[in-house]
Amino acid sequence: MISKIALTLFLGFPLVMYSGILTFLMILFTATVGLLNFKGIFIIPFKWHPKLAVITIIIAMIHAFFGLSILFNF
């Protein structure tokens, strides 16, 4: 059931691919916020860094769940 959702095509590609791309972009964005604040550039306040990290972990868990559901057929 979940593997069908993960393999649902959207614009010609499966949702598991889009969740992977979104995870990667969120990792880069979270790291960028931390790095900019470390260097003293406060475009985005540091209080957003932990929030972005939690969102990134949630998206990564969904991506992993999609991948495992394809592998183990559940």
Protein backbone atom coordinates (compact mmCIF):
# COMPACT_ATOMS: atom_id res chain seq x y z
CA MET A 1 0.00 0.00 0.00
CA ILE A 2 2.66 2.53 1.03
CA SER A 3 4.93 1.39 -1.78
CA LYS A 4 2.16 2.32 -4.22
CA ILE A 5 2.11 5.84 -2.77
CA ALA A 6 5.91 6.04 -2.95
CA LEU A 7 5.89 4.95 -6.58
CA THR A 8 3.02 7.24 -7.61
CA LEU A 9 4.17 9.21 -10.61
CA PHE A 10 4.10 12.99 -10.42
CA LEU A 11 5.36 14.81 -13.50
CA GLY A 12 6.87 11.53 -14.70
CA PHE A 13 8.85 10.71 -11.56
CA PRO A 14 7.92 8.80 -8.37
CA LEU A 15 7.17 10.63 -5.12
CA VAL A 16 10.10 8.91 -3.40
CA MET A 17 12.44 10.83 -5.70
CA TYR A 18 10.84 14.16 -4.88
CA SER A 19 11.02 13.45 -1.15
CA GLY A 20 14.74 12.72 -1.56
CA ILE A 21 15.33 15.96 -3.40
CA LEU A 22 13.35 17.88 -0.78
CA THR A 23 15.37 16.21 2.00
CA PHE A 24 18.64 17.17 0.34
CA LEU A 25 17.54 20.77 -0.18
CA MET A 26 16.38 21.05 3.44
CA ILE A 27 19.75 19.73 4.66
CA LEU A 28 21.52 22.37 2.59
CA PHE A 29 19.18 25.13 3.78
CA THR A 30 19.53 24.11 7.44
CA ALA A 31 23.32 24.02 7.16
CA THR A 32 23.34 27.38 5.39
CA VAL A 33 21.33 29.03 8.18
CA GLY A 34 23.75 27.64 10.77
CA LEU A 35 26.83 28.66 8.79
CA LEU A 36 25.62 32.18 8.08
CA ASN A 37 24.80 32.75 11.73
CA PHE A 38 28.19 31.35 12.73
CA LYS A 39 29.86 33.89 10.44
CA GLY A 40 27.78 36.74 11.87
CA ILE A 41 25.36 37.15 8.97
CA PHE A 42 21.92 37.21 10.56
CA ILE A 43 19.63 37.25 7.51
CA ILE A 44 17.67 34.36 9.02
CA PRO A 45 17.73 34.29 12.85
CA PHE A 46 19.42 31.32 14.51
CA LYS A 47 16.16 30.35 16.24
CA TRP A 48 15.07 28.93 12.86
CA HIS A 49 17.98 26.48 12.70
CA PRO A 50 16.56 23.91 15.19
CA LYS A 51 13.10 24.21 13.63
CA LEU A 52 14.52 23.55 10.18
CA ALA A 53 16.48 20.61 11.57
CA VAL A 54 13.30 19.02 12.96
CA ILE A 55 11.48 19.53 9.64
CA THR A 56 14.45 18.02 7.81
CA ILE A 57 14.45 14.95 10.06
CA ILE A 58 10.71 14.44 9.51
CA ILE A 59 11.06 14.69 5.72
CA ALA A 60 14.06 12.34 5.80
CA MET A 61 12.07 9.80 7.83
CA ILE A 62 9.24 9.94 5.28
CA HIS A 63 11.76 9.46 2.47
CA ALA A 64 13.35 6.50 4.28
CA PHE A 65 9.92 4.99 4.95
CA PHE A 66 9.06 5.31 1.25
CA GLY A 67 12.32 3.65 0.25
CA LEU A 68 11.95 0.82 2.73
CA SER A 69 8.34 0.24 1.69
CA ILE A 70 9.51 -0.25 -1.90
CA LEU A 71 12.29 -2.60 -0.80
CA PHE A 72 10.15 -4.72 1.54
CA ASN A 73 6.82 -4.37 -0.34
CA PHE A 74 4.61 -2.99 2.43
